[in-house]
């Protein structure tokens, strides 16, 4: 089988997301191997959504952090789960009117900071792309906790960056990073978890969003990372669905040893919303990618507050499957760390 290249145009130079009139810039339609879009959102208050989401996949431990401005509300949090015991914790923070929450138009060009009585969070990025998450918080049980983690940006390591155009007035720029090595430590009370290092491989996941969304949305997102075998390349999976349907663009791709292969076809997702701990299967119509996630933990969230509502199943576990690279070579992967989710929102 000789794989076909994607039909989507590749962007190779920096570009503004919006034109002077605030609508989607036609030159911004496309995808790139590194972040090139500036999210210059202006006007349309209430529809603009800006966020940086980090997750760390560290064997039996998962850690994540959200920093978001959805116009009428600011959100910041740190969350963790021990996949072996099922224990989880962390601390959220909400800011009406997004007071104290600021994200730059050009992601990773300014530190992200949030402060409350029970949470202190900073996310900073070095000029070479290396990211640092530093957080301190109080668990609901009263114990203190802190996170210190660094996510490397290996030279030449590519990401999947794409604009999803529902219309000239509704669109989303997303920058998805997979398979970035991570190392550090999580401490909760008298417990300590090493991230990366001698404890085994740990991988950073980044989801950057800058866009103008419809009120009701539904999406799938999944990813994962790990070596294909003892001496094989490191594979990073980046997969989505539902929210991109009918736009002509996808957020689908596979990273092999830092090199992105963009997949232009919509992927098929098979899973049971009502039984999220059953396997999640993702496949491409041409058979180029087949992956099955065996869940270990379901992060089930449900929230409603006036005009805002969200219902999510986010499962963490291991992916097993196969991928055919650009040369037509089939690569198998077994039990690599990963996650999959469905989110349903009114926002």
Protein backbone atom coordinates (compact mmCIF):
# COMPACT_ATOMS: atom_id res chain seq x y z
CA UNK A 1 0.00 0.00 0.00
CA UNK A 2 1.36 3.40 -1.01
CA UNK A 3 -0.12 6.08 1.30
CA UNK A 4 -1.70 9.16 -0.27
CA UNK A 5 -0.72 12.64 0.94
CA UNK A 6 -3.39 14.79 2.55
CA UNK A 7 -5.44 17.14 0.36
CA UNK A 8 -5.16 19.92 2.98
CA UNK A 9 -2.82 22.84 2.16
CA UNK A 10 0.36 23.09 4.24
CA UNK A 11 1.25 26.49 5.70
CA UNK A 12 4.96 27.29 5.89
CA UNK A 13 5.04 30.95 7.02
CA UNK A 14 3.64 32.89 9.96
CA UNK A 15 0.05 34.05 9.51
CA UNK A 16 -2.70 35.88 11.43
CA UNK A 17 -5.78 33.85 12.27
CA UNK A 18 -8.15 36.78 11.66
CA UNK A 19 -8.31 39.55 9.09
CA UNK A 20 -8.84 43.25 9.91
CA UNK A 21 -12.63 42.69 9.98
CA UNK A 22 -12.31 39.98 12.65
CA UNK A 23 -13.36 37.19 10.32
CA UNK A 24 -11.25 34.17 9.47
CA UNK A 25 -8.24 35.08 7.36
CA UNK A 26 -8.41 32.98 4.18
CA UNK A 27 -4.60 32.62 4.25
CA UNK A 28 -4.89 30.93 7.68
CA UNK A 29 -6.77 27.90 6.33
CA UNK A 30 -4.40 24.96 6.45
CA UNK A 31 -2.01 22.99 8.65
CA UNK A 32 1.62 23.30 9.66
CA UNK A 33 4.38 21.25 11.29
CA UNK A 34 5.10 23.91 13.91
CA UNK A 35 3.00 26.70 15.42
CA UNK A 36 2.74 29.55 12.89
CA UNK A 37 -0.67 31.10 13.60
CA UNK A 38 -1.25 34.23 15.70
CA UNK A 39 -4.66 34.07 17.36
CA UNK A 40 -5.61 37.73 16.98
CA UNK A 41 -9.23 37.37 18.12
CA UNK A 42 -11.10 40.66 18.49
CA UNK A 43 -14.80 41.35 19.01
CA UNK A 44 -17.62 38.73 19.20
CA UNK A 45 -17.45 38.69 22.99
CA UNK A 46 -18.76 35.45 24.48
CA UNK A 47 -17.77 33.28 21.51
CA UNK A 48 -13.97 33.57 21.83
CA UNK A 49 -12.20 30.64 23.48
CA UNK A 50 -8.52 30.61 24.37
CA UNK A 51 -6.75 27.84 26.26
CA UNK A 52 -3.54 25.92 26.90
CA UNK A 53 -4.03 22.39 28.23
CA UNK A 54 -1.13 20.21 29.34
CA UNK A 55 -1.21 16.52 30.24
CA UNK A 56 1.65 14.33 31.41
CA UNK A 57 1.43 10.58 30.77
CA UNK A 58 3.81 8.97 33.26
CA UNK A 59 3.08 5.26 33.49
CA UNK A 60 0.76 4.73 36.46
CA UNK A 61 0.43 8.49 36.95
CA UNK A 62 -1.43 11.11 34.92
CA UNK A 63 -1.19 14.85 35.60
CA UNK A 64 -2.94 17.67 33.76
CA UNK A 65 -3.31 21.44 33.90
CA UNK A 66 -5.83 23.76 32.26
CA UNK A 67 -5.43 27.50 31.72
CA UNK A 68 -8.36 28.97 29.82
CA UNK A 69 -10.23 32.18 29.01
CA UNK A 70 -13.69 31.61 27.51
CA UNK A 71 -14.57 35.32 27.62
CA UNK A 72 -17.09 35.29 30.45
CA UNK A 73 -15.16 32.83 32.61
CA UNK A 74 -11.51 32.06 33.36
CA UNK A 75 -10.41 28.59 34.39
CA UNK A 76 -7.20 27.20 35.83
CA UNK A 77 -6.53 23.88 37.51
CA UNK A 78 -4.12 21.08 38.32
CA UNK A 79 -5.40 17.50 38.39
CA UNK A 80 -3.75 14.13 38.96
CA UNK A 81 -4.68 10.46 39.14
CA UNK A 82 -2.89 7.30 40.23
CA UNK A 83 -4.09 4.73 37.69
CA UNK A 84 -3.13 1.82 39.93
CA UNK A 85 -5.11 2.85 43.02
CA UNK A 86 -7.74 5.05 41.38
CA UNK A 87 -6.88 7.87 43.78
CA UNK A 88 -7.08 11.37 42.30
CA UNK A 89 -6.85 14.98 43.42
CA UNK A 90 -5.92 18.50 42.48
CA UNK A 91 -7.44 21.96 42.75
CA UNK A 92 -9.60 23.98 40.32
CA UNK A 93 -10.03 27.74 40.15
CA UNK A 94 -12.72 29.77 38.37
CA UNK A 95 -12.58 33.49 37.68
CA UNK A 96 -15.80 35.32 36.61
CA UNK A 97 -15.08 37.59 33.68
CA UNK A 98 -11.67 35.87 33.31
CA UNK A 99 -10.10 38.34 35.75
CA UNK A 100 -6.43 37.46 36.26
CA UNK A 101 -6.38 35.01 33.33
CA UNK A 102 -4.40 36.15 30.27
CA UNK A 103 -3.23 34.17 27.26
CA UNK A 104 -1.08 35.68 24.49
CA UNK A 105 -2.29 35.76 20.88
CA UNK A 106 0.91 33.94 19.94
CA UNK A 107 1.02 30.86 22.20
CA UNK A 108 4.07 30.22 24.40
CA UNK A 109 5.31 33.81 24.18
CA UNK A 110 4.38 34.84 27.75
CA UNK A 111 4.09 33.02 31.09
CA UNK A 112 0.64 31.86 32.16
CA UNK A 113 -0.07 32.63 35.83
CA UNK A 114 -3.03 32.00 38.11
CA UNK A 115 -3.34 32.71 41.82
CA UNK A 116 -6.00 31.98 44.42
CA UNK A 117 -5.98 31.20 48.13
CA UNK A 118 -5.55 27.50 47.43
CA UNK A 119 -3.79 27.34 44.05
CA UNK A 120 -0.68 28.89 42.53
CA UNK A 121 0.10 27.94 38.92
CA UNK A 122 2.72 29.09 36.42
CA UNK A 123 3.43 27.71 32.96
CA UNK A 124 6.47 29.18 31.21
CA UNK A 125 8.17 28.34 27.92
CA UNK A 126 11.85 28.84 27.08
CA UNK A 127 12.91 30.28 23.70
CA UNK A 128 13.79 26.76 22.51
CA UNK A 129 10.26 25.53 23.29
CA UNK A 130 11.01 23.71 26.55
CA UNK A 131 8.05 24.14 28.90
CA UNK A 132 7.95 24.27 32.71
CA UNK A 133 4.90 23.76 34.91
CA UNK A 134 5.23 24.89 38.54
CA UNK A 135 2.23 24.59 40.84
CA UNK A 136 1.38 24.52 44.53
CA UNK A 137 -2.06 23.87 45.93
CA UNK A 138 -4.10 22.54 48.83
CA UNK A 139 -5.92 19.26 48.35
CA UNK A 140 -9.56 19.07 49.44
CA UNK A 141 -8.48 16.96 52.41
CA UNK A 142 -6.15 19.72 53.59
CA UNK A 143 -2.78 18.29 52.57
CA UNK A 144 -0.37 20.44 50.58
CA UNK A 145 0.79 19.45 47.09
CA UNK A 146 3.20 20.66 44.45
CA UNK A 147 4.13 19.85 40.88
CA UNK A 148 7.44 20.59 39.19
CA UNK A 149 7.70 19.24 35.67
CA UNK A 150 9.66 20.09 32.53
CA UNK A 151 8.50 19.08 29.05
CA UNK A 152 11.31 19.00 26.52
CA UNK A 153 11.07 20.25 22.94
CA UNK A 154 13.59 18.06 21.09
CA UNK A 155 15.23 19.82 18.13
CA UNK A 156 13.08 19.40 15.03
CA UNK A 157 10.23 17.70 16.90
CA UNK A 158 7.03 18.54 15.00
CA UNK A 159 3.47 19.19 16.14
CA UNK A 160 0.09 19.20 14.41
CA UNK A 161 -1.27 22.72 13.88
CA UNK A 162 -4.45 23.31 11.91
CA UNK A 163 -7.37 25.71 11.47
CA UNK A 164 -10.83 24.14 11.50
CA UNK A 165 -13.15 26.49 9.54
CA UNK A 166 -16.86 26.07 10.27
CA UNK A 167 -17.42 29.47 8.63
CA UNK A 168 -15.79 32.89 8.32
CA UNK A 169 -17.27 33.79 11.72
CA UNK A 170 -16.76 30.47 13.56
CA UNK A 171 -13.37 28.76 13.44
CA UNK A 172 -10.71 27.22 15.64
CA UNK A 173 -6.92 27.15 15.53
CA UNK A 174 -5.57 24.14 17.40
CA UNK A 175 -1.95 23.21 18.07
CA UNK A 176 -1.56 19.63 19.24
CA UNK A 177 1.77 18.34 20.60
CA UNK A 178 2.39 14.65 21.32
CA UNK A 179 5.34 12.49 22.37
CA UNK A 180 7.37 15.23 24.06
CA UNK A 181 9.61 13.80 26.83
CA UNK A 182 8.73 14.98 30.35
CA UNK A 183 10.51 14.77 33.71
CA UNK A 184 9.93 16.11 37.21
CA UNK A 185 8.04 15.28 40.40
CA UNK A 186 4.56 15.37 41.91
CA UNK A 187 4.23 15.55 45.71
CA UNK A 188 0.94 15.23 47.60
CA UNK A 189 1.26 15.25 51.37
CA UNK A 190 3.96 12.69 52.19
CA UNK A 191 3.63 10.87 48.84
CA UNK A 192 6.06 11.41 45.96
CA UNK A 193 5.87 10.35 42.32
CA UNK A 194 8.87 10.65 40.02
CA UNK A 195 7.95 11.71 36.49
CA UNK A 196 10.28 10.32 33.83
CA UNK A 197 13.88 9.44 34.70
CA UNK A 198 14.48 6.07 36.34
CA UNK A 199 10.74 5.54 36.87
CA UNK A 200 10.22 5.09 33.11
CA UNK A 201 9.25 7.17 30.12
CA UNK A 202 6.88 10.10 30.56
CA UNK A 203 5.33 12.09 27.74
CA UNK A 204 3.96 15.62 27.55
CA UNK A 205 0.77 16.42 25.64
CA UNK A 206 -0.18 20.00 24.74
CA UNK A 207 -3.47 21.26 23.35
CA UNK A 208 -3.48 24.96 22.43
CA UNK A 209 -6.76 26.51 21.32
CA UNK A 210 -7.53 29.97 19.92
CA UNK A 211 -10.86 30.32 18.21
CA UNK A 212 -14.46 31.47 17.97
CA UNK A 213 -16.85 28.62 18.70
CA UNK A 214 -20.54 27.85 18.21
CA UNK A 215 -22.54 27.58 21.43
CA UNK A 216 -23.06 23.80 21.33
CA UNK A 217 -20.12 21.53 20.56
CA UNK A 218 -19.16 17.88 20.69
CA UNK A 219 -15.76 16.39 20.04
CA UNK A 220 -13.51 13.35 20.31
CA UNK A 221 -9.84 13.69 21.08
CA UNK A 222 -7.21 11.02 21.66
CA UNK A 223 -3.46 10.68 21.81
CA UNK A 224 -0.58 8.68 23.12
CA UNK A 225 3.13 8.02 22.87
CA UNK A 226 5.75 5.33 23.23
CA UNK A 227 8.31 3.22 21.35
CA UNK A 228 6.93 0.93 18.65
CA UNK A 229 9.29 -1.79 19.92
CA UNK A 230 12.62 -2.10 21.72
CA UNK A 231 14.64 -0.59 18.85
CA UNK A 232 11.85 1.05 16.85
CA UNK A 233 10.88 4.69 16.50
CA UNK A 234 8.85 6.56 19.10
CA UNK A 235 5.30 7.01 17.88
CA UNK A 236 2.99 9.84 18.85
CA UNK A 237 -0.73 9.51 18.08
CA UNK A 238 -2.96 12.56 17.50
CA UNK A 239 -6.60 11.80 16.68
CA UNK A 240 -9.89 13.70 16.69
CA UNK A 241 -13.44 13.53 15.37
CA UNK A 242 -16.96 15.01 15.35
CA UNK A 243 -16.08 18.70 15.67
CA UNK A 244 -14.20 18.68 12.35
CA UNK A 245 -16.91 16.88 10.34
CA UNK A 246 -17.73 18.60 7.06
CA UNK A 247 -15.01 21.27 7.28
CA UNK A 248 -12.55 19.62 4.90
CA UNK A 249 -9.84 19.66 7.59
CA UNK A 250 -8.87 17.30 10.41
CA UNK A 251 -6.62 17.28 13.47
CA UNK A 252 -5.37 13.78 12.67
CA UNK A 253 -1.75 12.75 12.37
CA UNK A 254 1.03 10.47 13.55
CA UNK A 255 4.49 11.55 14.70
CA UNK A 256 7.38 9.11 14.17
CA UNK A 257 10.62 10.10 15.90
CA UNK A 258 9.49 13.71 15.80
CA UNK A 259 8.36 13.80 12.15
CA UNK A 260 4.64 14.44 11.51
CA UNK A 261 2.55 12.58 8.95
CA UNK A 262 -0.70 14.52 8.41
CA UNK A 263 -3.83 12.41 7.87
CA UNK A 264 -6.51 14.24 5.91
CA UNK A 265 -9.34 11.72 6.28
CA UNK A 266 -11.87 11.71 9.10
CA UNK A 267 -11.28 8.81 11.47
CA UNK A 268 -13.87 6.31 12.64
CA UNK A 269 -14.35 6.10 16.41
CA UNK A 270 -16.07 3.08 17.98
CA UNK A 271 -16.84 3.12 21.72
CA UNK A 272 -19.79 3.12 24.14
CA UNK A 273 -20.51 6.44 25.89
CA UNK A 274 -22.49 4.59 28.57
CA UNK A 275 -19.70 2.06 29.17
CA UNK A 276 -16.49 4.11 28.83
CA UNK A 277 -14.26 1.44 30.40
CA UNK A 278 -14.82 -0.80 27.41
CA UNK A 279 -12.26 -0.53 24.56
CA UNK A 280 -12.14 2.59 22.36
CA UNK A 281 -11.26 1.84 18.73
CA UNK A 282 -10.05 4.38 16.18
CA UNK A 283 -9.35 3.63 12.51
CA UNK A 284 -8.85 5.38 9.18
CA UNK A 285 -11.06 4.53 6.18
CA UNK A 286 -8.03 3.51 4.11
CA UNK A 287 -6.78 1.12 6.78
CA UNK A 288 -3.59 3.10 7.31
CA UNK A 289 -4.19 3.53 11.06
CA UNK A 290 -5.84 1.12 13.47
CA UNK A 291 -5.63 1.67 17.23
CA UNK A 292 -7.46 0.30 20.27
CA UNK A 293 -7.30 1.90 23.71
CA UNK A 294 -7.77 -0.35 26.73
CA UNK A 295 -8.90 2.01 29.53
CA UNK A 296 -7.58 1.88 33.09
CA UNK A 297 -9.28 4.98 34.46
CA UNK A 298 -12.28 7.15 33.53
CA UNK A 299 -12.19 10.82 34.42
CA UNK A 300 -15.90 11.55 34.31
CA UNK A 301 -16.83 15.20 34.62
CA UNK A 302 -20.19 16.94 34.59
CA UNK A 303 -20.85 20.62 35.28
CA UNK A 304 -23.71 23.08 34.74
CA UNK A 305 -23.81 26.79 35.60
CA UNK A 306 -26.32 29.09 33.91
CA UNK A 307 -25.26 29.24 30.22
CA UNK A 308 -22.29 26.88 30.69
CA UNK A 309 -22.45 23.09 30.72
CA UNK A 310 -19.97 20.29 30.08
CA UNK A 311 -20.17 16.51 30.18
CA UNK A 312 -16.99 14.51 29.49
CA UNK A 313 -15.63 10.99 29.64
CA UNK A 314 -11.82 11.08 29.41
CA UNK A 315 -10.26 7.64 29.73
CA UNK A 316 -6.59 6.82 30.26
CA UNK A 317 -4.94 3.53 29.40
CA UNK A 318 -2.83 1.93 26.67
CA UNK A 319 -3.05 1.89 22.88
CA UNK A 320 -2.28 -1.14 20.70
CA UNK A 321 -2.43 -1.09 16.92
CA UNK A 322 -0.58 -0.43 13.70
CA UNK A 323 0.30 2.42 11.34
CA UNK A 324 1.60 2.49 7.75
CA UNK A 325 4.24 5.19 7.34
CA UNK A 326 4.95 7.39 4.30
CA UNK A 327 7.21 4.72 2.81
CA UNK A 328 4.49 2.08 3.01
CA UNK A 329 6.12 0.30 5.96
CA UNK A 330 3.76 -1.12 8.57
CA UNK A 331 4.69 -0.34 12.17
CA UNK A 332 3.03 -2.10 15.10
CA UNK A 333 2.76 -0.60 18.58
CA UNK A 334 1.71 -2.33 21.78
CA UNK A 335 0.62 -0.92 25.15
CA UNK A 336 1.79 2.65 24.61
CA UNK A 337 0.48 5.21 27.10
CA UNK A 338 -2.51 7.27 26.01
CA UNK A 339 -6.01 8.63 26.41
CA UNK A 340 -9.30 9.17 24.57
CA UNK A 341 -12.31 11.34 25.28
CA UNK A 342 -15.71 12.59 24.24
CA UNK A 343 -16.76 16.07 25.38
CA UNK A 344 -20.25 17.60 25.07
CA UNK A 345 -20.52 21.31 25.83
CA UNK A 346 -22.75 24.36 25.92
CA UNK A 347 -20.43 27.34 26.33
